[in-house]
């Protein structure tokens, strides 16, 4: 009996130890992967690369006084993102009845002397950078509903994908001034 019980005693713990060893071996790979991921995220966050949300400011608004009998014109703004994440300008509106429909547009060179303006859905505003609109790059095409005079101020609202809308004023100027 003693021999049988000692044989049974030796046989019992070995399979249990083997199962514990197999379980530990199976747990090491996911544990190591989680540790590496956590360490990487910690370094990424500590270095500031995790970023902060975009922080948008706008100013230096100008809108061209239309020439002749035309009612179509363009507005330009400087849009600065001092935040850590990029944003996109998606739309420009105006609370003023003097402003009609507005559209974001981009100047494109054909390379053959005839340049064009193309409507665009949105414009990138990189983190830590300024988008300086101009007649040669990005602008806001608009139509005036009533006559403007040079020096008047027209309100606009810039809308972004992530940031809150930003109200900005544009001074009516003669093109080239």
Protein backbone atom coordinates (compact mmCIF):
# COMPACT_ATOMS: atom_id res chain seq x y z
CA UNK A 1 0.00 0.00 0.00
CA UNK A 2 2.74 2.29 0.85
CA UNK A 3 4.29 1.65 -2.56
CA UNK A 4 1.00 2.30 -4.27
CA UNK A 5 0.36 5.49 -2.39
CA UNK A 6 3.88 6.76 -2.97
CA UNK A 7 3.58 5.96 -6.68
CA UNK A 8 0.27 7.79 -6.72
CA UNK A 9 1.84 10.63 -4.76
CA UNK A 10 4.66 10.99 -7.26
CA UNK A 11 2.32 10.86 -10.24
CA UNK A 12 -0.13 13.47 -8.91
CA UNK A 13 2.06 16.57 -8.51
CA UNK A 14 3.90 16.22 -11.82
CA UNK A 15 0.89 16.82 -14.08
CA UNK A 16 -0.21 19.74 -11.88
CA UNK A 17 3.25 21.34 -12.10
CA UNK A 18 3.29 20.79 -15.83
CA UNK A 19 -0.08 22.54 -16.20
CA UNK A 20 1.12 25.50 -14.12
CA UNK A 21 4.28 25.72 -16.22
CA UNK A 22 2.30 25.60 -19.46
CA UNK A 23 -0.08 28.28 -18.16
CA UNK A 24 2.84 30.53 -17.21
CA UNK A 25 4.46 29.99 -20.62
CA UNK A 26 1.20 30.91 -22.34
CA UNK A 27 0.81 34.06 -20.22
CA UNK A 28 4.34 35.37 -20.81
CA UNK A 29 3.82 36.40 -24.46
CA UNK A 30 0.69 38.56 -23.89
CA UNK A 31 2.18 39.99 -20.69
CA UNK A 32 5.37 40.96 -22.54
CA UNK A 33 3.38 42.49 -25.42
CA UNK A 34 1.27 44.56 -23.02
CA UNK A 35 4.37 45.72 -21.16
CA UNK A 36 6.08 46.82 -24.37
CA UNK A 37 2.91 48.63 -25.54
CA UNK A 38 2.50 50.37 -22.18
CA UNK A 39 6.15 51.44 -22.17
CA UNK A 40 5.81 52.80 -25.72
CA UNK A 41 2.67 54.76 -24.88
CA UNK A 42 4.32 56.15 -21.75
CA UNK A 43 7.32 57.40 -23.74
CA UNK A 44 5.05 58.78 -26.49
CA UNK A 45 2.91 60.70 -23.98
CA UNK A 46 5.86 61.93 -21.89
CA UNK A 47 7.60 63.30 -24.98
CA UNK A 48 4.53 65.36 -25.89
CA UNK A 49 3.98 63.42 -29.11
CA UNK A 50 0.54 62.36 -27.94
CA UNK A 51 -0.39 65.93 -28.75
CA UNK A 52 -2.98 68.28 -27.51
CA UNK A 53 -6.17 69.22 -29.32
CA UNK A 54 -6.06 71.88 -32.02
CA UNK A 55 -6.35 75.48 -30.78
CA UNK A 56 -7.50 77.76 -33.57
CA UNK A 57 -7.31 81.54 -33.85
CA UNK A 58 -8.08 83.64 -36.92
CA UNK A 59 -7.42 87.20 -37.95
CA UNK A 60 -6.18 89.56 -40.66
CA UNK A 61 -9.42 89.11 -42.61
CA UNK A 62 -9.70 90.85 -45.96
CA UNK A 63 -12.42 90.68 -48.58
CA UNK A 64 -11.90 92.15 -52.04
CA UNK A 65 -14.21 94.89 -53.24
CA UNK A 66 -15.76 93.42 -56.42
CA UNK A 67 -14.81 95.08 -59.69
CA UNK A 68 -17.45 96.75 -61.86
CA UNK A 69 -20.90 95.20 -61.70
CA UNK A 70 -19.68 91.84 -60.44
CA UNK A 71 -21.02 90.59 -57.13
CA UNK A 72 -18.54 87.70 -56.85
CA UNK A 73 -15.42 88.20 -54.76
CA UNK A 74 -12.97 86.46 -52.45
CA UNK A 75 -12.11 86.67 -48.76
CA UNK A 76 -8.82 85.76 -47.10
CA UNK A 77 -7.87 85.02 -43.50
CA UNK A 78 -4.88 83.94 -41.46
CA UNK A 79 -5.82 80.82 -39.50
CA UNK A 80 -3.34 79.81 -36.78
CA UNK A 81 -3.35 76.48 -34.96
CA UNK A 82 -1.27 76.72 -31.77
CA UNK A 83 -2.49 73.31 -30.58
CA UNK A 84 -0.78 69.95 -30.86
CA UNK A 85 -3.24 68.32 -33.26
CA UNK A 86 -4.11 69.27 -36.81
CA UNK A 87 -7.58 70.40 -37.83
CA UNK A 88 -9.43 71.06 -41.07
CA UNK A 89 -11.32 74.18 -42.11
CA UNK A 90 -14.55 72.72 -43.49
CA UNK A 91 -16.83 75.69 -44.13
CA UNK A 92 -17.09 79.47 -43.95
CA UNK A 93 -20.37 81.27 -43.29
CA UNK A 94 -21.44 84.82 -42.50
CA UNK A 95 -24.16 86.10 -40.17
CA UNK A 96 -24.42 89.22 -42.36
CA UNK A 97 -27.25 89.60 -44.86
CA UNK A 98 -24.76 91.38 -47.14
CA UNK A 99 -22.92 88.08 -47.76
CA UNK A 100 -24.39 85.41 -50.01
CA UNK A 101 -23.16 81.88 -50.55
CA UNK A 102 -19.56 81.07 -49.57
CA UNK A 103 -17.25 78.28 -50.77
CA UNK A 104 -13.71 77.21 -49.97
CA UNK A 105 -11.55 77.26 -53.08
CA UNK A 106 -8.00 76.46 -54.07
CA UNK A 107 -5.96 78.12 -56.82
CA UNK A 108 -4.44 75.60 -59.23
CA UNK A 109 -1.84 76.22 -61.89
CA UNK A 110 -2.28 74.34 -65.15
CA UNK A 111 1.35 74.93 -66.08
CA UNK A 112 0.23 76.41 -69.41
CA UNK A 113 -0.53 79.95 -68.28
CA UNK A 114 -4.24 79.45 -67.59
CA UNK A 115 -4.81 79.00 -63.87
CA UNK A 116 -8.10 77.90 -62.33
CA UNK A 117 -9.97 77.98 -59.04
CA UNK A 118 -11.38 74.70 -57.79
CA UNK A 119 -13.86 74.29 -54.98
CA UNK A 120 -12.52 72.17 -52.13
CA UNK A 121 -14.31 70.33 -49.32
CA UNK A 122 -11.81 71.29 -46.62
CA UNK A 123 -8.39 72.78 -46.01
CA UNK A 124 -5.73 71.36 -43.67
CA UNK A 125 -4.62 73.53 -40.74
CA UNK A 126 -1.47 71.81 -39.41
CA UNK A 127 -0.58 71.78 -35.72
CA UNK A 128 1.72 74.64 -34.77
CA UNK A 129 1.31 76.39 -38.12
CA UNK A 130 -0.57 79.20 -39.85
CA UNK A 131 -2.71 78.88 -42.95
CA UNK A 132 -2.29 82.22 -44.74
CA UNK A 133 -4.99 82.47 -47.40
CA UNK A 134 -4.20 84.42 -50.56
CA UNK A 135 -5.40 84.80 -54.16
CA UNK A 136 -2.61 82.39 -55.14
CA UNK A 137 -3.51 79.51 -52.82
CA UNK A 138 -6.62 79.04 -50.67
CA UNK A 139 -9.47 81.54 -50.47
CA UNK A 140 -13.15 81.86 -49.65
CA UNK A 141 -15.22 82.61 -52.72
CA UNK A 142 -18.34 84.60 -51.88
CA UNK A 143 -21.05 86.71 -53.42
CA UNK A 144 -22.12 90.01 -51.94
CA UNK A 145 -25.86 90.62 -51.65
CA UNK A 146 -25.50 94.39 -51.21
CA UNK A 147 -22.85 96.90 -52.26
CA UNK A 148 -19.80 97.26 -50.03
CA UNK A 149 -17.43 100.21 -49.71
CA UNK A 150 -13.70 100.01 -49.06
CA UNK A 151 -13.07 100.06 -45.31
CA UNK A 152 -16.34 98.35 -44.33
CA UNK A 153 -16.09 95.38 -41.99
CA UNK A 154 -17.82 92.10 -42.85
CA UNK A 155 -18.27 89.30 -40.26
CA UNK A 156 -17.49 85.67 -41.11
CA UNK A 157 -17.53 82.42 -39.14
CA UNK A 158 -14.90 79.74 -39.82
CA UNK A 159 -16.03 76.16 -39.12
CA UNK A 160 -13.62 73.32 -38.37
CA UNK A 161 -13.76 69.54 -38.17
CA UNK A 162 -12.60 69.38 -34.52
CA UNK A 163 -12.53 72.93 -33.15
CA UNK A 164 -15.41 75.23 -32.28
CA UNK A 165 -16.42 77.83 -34.88
CA UNK A 166 -14.29 80.98 -34.89
CA UNK A 167 -15.79 84.42 -35.59
CA UNK A 168 -13.55 86.74 -37.58
CA UNK A 169 -13.94 90.13 -39.26
CA UNK A 170 -12.79 90.96 -42.78
CA UNK A 171 -12.10 94.49 -43.97
CA UNK A 172 -13.27 95.33 -47.49
CA UNK A 173 -10.20 96.29 -49.54
CA UNK A 174 -9.50 97.07 -53.18
CA UNK A 175 -7.61 94.23 -54.92
CA UNK A 176 -3.91 94.99 -54.96
CA UNK A 177 -4.02 97.30 -51.95
